[in-house]
Amino acid sequence: MALLVLASLCFISALIGVADAVPTPSFSVTGRVYCDTCRAGFVHEFTEYLGGAKVRLECRDYVSGQVSHSGEALTDKYGYYTITMSDDHQEEICEVVLLDSPRYDCKEIPADHRDRARVALTRNNGMSSEQRNVNAIGYLKDVPLPKCGPMLQRYALFTDDDINY
């Protein structure tokens, strides 16, 4: 009888342990890749989204900067990608970075960090969902479209003297 009680207690303890176990998070990171046809530095009315672009999600150690986890994806025909990353990365810097453009005329990577989008992959930040949406990242078209000049002037960003279109 004592053996049966002891076995029951062990079984109940095991069930409690399983109930208290926290599942490993699996984050889904979604974003978009575009071609900046006006070289404006932001998404605008003439932006073209890139299907077949390659991106990588990298998580780097805060101190050493070494990449500890990564995953790659290709964009769909609308420029969207989704990368799944497991585990909590609270002590790491995670970013989606551009790898390859499918367009020969839109391969230039911007010098001002618009080639990457940072994302928090931890449950310890107040976000209840494991879905993460990141800012769009994009390449620069080698030659701006002729219609870009008037559009940029409407936004009062450039004058005719700033850029020749």
Protein backbone atom coordinates (compact mmCIF):
# COMPACT_ATOMS: atom_id res chain seq x y z
CA MET A 1 0.00 0.00 0.00
CA ALA A 2 2.83 2.40 0.90
CA LEU A 3 4.39 1.68 -2.48
CA LEU A 4 1.14 2.61 -4.24
CA VAL A 5 0.90 5.90 -2.31
CA LEU A 6 4.55 6.70 -3.11
CA ALA A 7 4.01 5.95 -6.80
CA SER A 8 0.89 8.15 -6.83
CA LEU A 9 2.79 11.05 -5.25
CA CYS A 10 5.57 10.74 -7.82
CA PHE A 11 3.02 10.70 -10.65
CA ILE A 12 1.21 13.78 -9.29
CA SER A 13 4.54 15.61 -8.86
CA ALA A 14 5.44 14.84 -12.46
CA LEU A 15 2.09 16.19 -13.69
CA ILE A 16 2.56 19.40 -11.73
CA GLY A 17 6.03 19.82 -13.24
CA VAL A 18 4.67 19.40 -16.76
CA ALA A 19 1.86 21.89 -16.09
CA ASP A 20 4.34 24.49 -14.84
CA ALA A 21 6.75 24.09 -17.76
CA VAL A 22 6.93 27.16 -19.98
CA PRO A 23 6.90 26.27 -23.67
CA THR A 24 9.82 27.44 -25.76
CA PRO A 25 8.72 30.50 -27.73
CA SER A 26 8.69 30.39 -31.50
CA PHE A 27 8.63 33.88 -32.98
CA SER A 28 7.26 34.64 -36.44
CA VAL A 29 8.96 37.68 -37.99
CA THR A 30 7.19 39.29 -40.97
CA GLY A 31 8.33 42.20 -43.10
CA ARG A 32 8.60 43.53 -46.62
CA VAL A 33 11.40 44.32 -49.11
CA TYR A 34 11.13 47.14 -51.63
CA CYS A 35 12.96 48.94 -54.40
CA ASP A 36 13.25 52.67 -53.69
CA THR A 37 12.67 53.82 -57.26
CA CYS A 38 13.19 57.48 -56.32
CA ARG A 39 16.18 56.99 -53.98
CA ALA A 40 14.12 58.98 -51.46
CA GLY A 41 14.90 56.94 -48.35
CA PHE A 42 11.32 55.94 -47.55
CA VAL A 43 8.33 54.08 -48.96
CA HIS A 44 6.37 56.31 -51.35
CA GLU A 45 3.79 56.13 -54.12
CA PHE A 46 6.32 54.85 -56.69
CA THR A 47 7.85 52.19 -54.45
CA GLU A 48 8.03 48.75 -56.05
CA TYR A 49 7.98 45.69 -53.79
CA LEU A 50 10.43 42.94 -54.64
CA GLY A 51 9.42 39.34 -55.08
CA GLY A 52 12.31 36.89 -54.83
CA ALA A 53 14.52 39.05 -52.61
CA LYS A 54 16.60 37.18 -50.03
CA VAL A 55 16.76 38.30 -46.38
CA ARG A 56 18.38 36.95 -43.22
CA LEU A 57 17.30 37.25 -39.59
CA GLU A 58 20.44 37.45 -37.41
CA CYS A 59 20.64 37.45 -33.63
CA ARG A 60 24.01 38.68 -32.30
CA ASP A 61 25.49 38.60 -28.83
CA TYR A 62 25.41 42.06 -27.16
CA VAL A 63 29.03 41.88 -26.04
CA SER A 64 30.94 39.97 -28.72
CA GLY A 65 28.76 40.80 -31.73
CA GLN A 66 29.00 37.18 -32.86
CA VAL A 67 25.95 35.82 -34.69
CA SER A 68 24.41 33.14 -32.50
CA HIS A 69 21.22 32.35 -34.46
CA SER A 70 20.09 33.06 -38.01
CA GLY A 71 17.45 32.14 -40.54
CA GLU A 72 16.84 33.10 -44.17
CA ALA A 73 13.80 33.61 -46.38
CA LEU A 74 12.74 34.70 -49.87
CA THR A 75 10.01 37.26 -50.42
CA ASP A 76 6.77 36.35 -52.16
CA LYS A 77 5.59 38.19 -55.29
CA TYR A 78 4.31 41.07 -53.11
CA GLY A 79 7.62 41.50 -51.29
CA TYR A 80 6.54 39.85 -48.02
CA TYR A 81 8.68 37.38 -46.08
CA THR A 82 8.21 35.41 -42.87
CA ILE A 83 11.03 33.90 -40.81
CA THR A 84 10.45 31.70 -37.78
CA MET A 85 12.97 31.85 -34.93
CA SER A 86 12.73 29.67 -31.85
CA ASP A 87 13.90 30.43 -28.32
CA ASP A 88 14.02 33.68 -26.38
CA HIS A 89 16.70 36.15 -27.51
CA GLN A 90 16.45 38.76 -24.75
CA GLU A 91 20.22 39.06 -24.41
CA GLU A 92 20.82 39.46 -28.13
CA ILE A 93 20.41 42.07 -30.86
CA CYS A 94 18.20 40.64 -33.62
CA GLU A 95 17.88 42.26 -37.05
CA VAL A 96 16.55 41.34 -40.47
CA VAL A 97 19.13 42.28 -43.13
CA LEU A 98 19.07 42.41 -46.92
CA LEU A 99 21.05 39.69 -48.71
CA ASP A 100 20.18 39.66 -52.40
CA SER A 101 17.95 41.57 -54.81
CA PRO A 102 16.38 39.85 -57.82
CA ARG A 103 16.61 43.06 -59.88
CA TYR A 104 19.81 44.06 -61.65
CA ASP A 105 18.74 47.74 -61.64
CA CYS A 106 17.90 47.81 -57.93
CA LYS A 107 20.77 46.20 -56.01
CA GLU A 108 22.38 49.14 -54.20
CA ILE A 109 22.24 48.79 -50.42
CA PRO A 110 21.60 52.11 -48.63
CA ALA A 111 24.48 53.41 -46.52
CA ASP A 112 22.24 54.76 -43.74
CA HIS A 113 21.11 51.44 -42.18
CA ARG A 114 17.87 51.14 -44.18
CA ASP A 115 19.15 47.71 -45.18
CA ARG A 116 18.18 46.30 -41.77
CA ALA A 117 15.27 46.27 -39.36
CA ARG A 118 15.69 45.52 -35.65
CA VAL A 119 13.23 43.21 -33.89
CA ALA A 120 12.77 42.18 -30.24
CA LEU A 121 12.53 38.41 -29.93
CA THR A 122 11.67 37.96 -26.28
CA ARG A 123 8.55 37.38 -24.23
CA ASN A 124 9.94 39.58 -21.48
CA ASN A 125 8.98 42.92 -23.06
CA GLY A 126 5.22 43.22 -22.58
CA MET A 127 4.20 41.87 -26.00
CA SER A 128 1.83 38.94 -25.60
CA SER A 129 1.98 37.71 -29.19
CA GLU A 130 4.88 35.84 -30.74
CA GLN A 131 4.17 37.58 -34.07
CA ARG A 132 6.65 40.37 -34.86
CA ASN A 133 6.17 42.83 -37.73
CA VAL A 134 9.26 44.78 -38.75
CA ASN A 135 9.77 47.92 -40.81
CA ALA A 136 10.17 47.55 -44.57
CA ILE A 137 13.76 47.43 -45.82
CA GLY A 138 14.86 48.33 -49.31
CA TYR A 139 17.37 48.64 -52.08
CA LEU A 140 18.05 51.78 -54.11
CA LYS A 141 17.31 51.88 -57.83
CA ASP A 142 20.41 52.76 -59.82
CA VAL A 143 18.66 55.60 -61.70
CA PRO A 144 15.59 57.33 -60.21
CA LEU A 145 12.38 57.31 -62.24
CA PRO A 146 11.67 60.59 -64.11
CA LYS A 147 8.39 61.09 -62.22
CA CYS A 148 10.23 61.17 -58.86
CA GLY A 149 11.29 64.81 -59.07
CA PRO A 150 7.76 66.29 -58.93
CA MET A 151 6.76 63.84 -56.19
CA LEU A 152 9.72 64.80 -54.00
CA GLN A 153 9.03 68.49 -54.61
CA ARG A 154 5.42 67.98 -53.45
CA TYR A 155 6.84 66.64 -50.19
CA ALA A 156 9.16 69.69 -50.11
CA LEU A 157 12.15 67.40 -49.65
CA PHE A 158 14.29 68.44 -52.59
CA THR A 159 14.58 71.28 -55.04
CA ASP A 160 15.69 71.05 -58.65
CA ASP A 161 19.20 71.99 -57.54
CA ASP A 162 19.48 69.04 -55.13
CA ILE A 163 18.84 66.18 -57.55
CA ASN A 164 18.81 65.99 -61.32
CA TYR A 165 15.93 63.88 -62.61
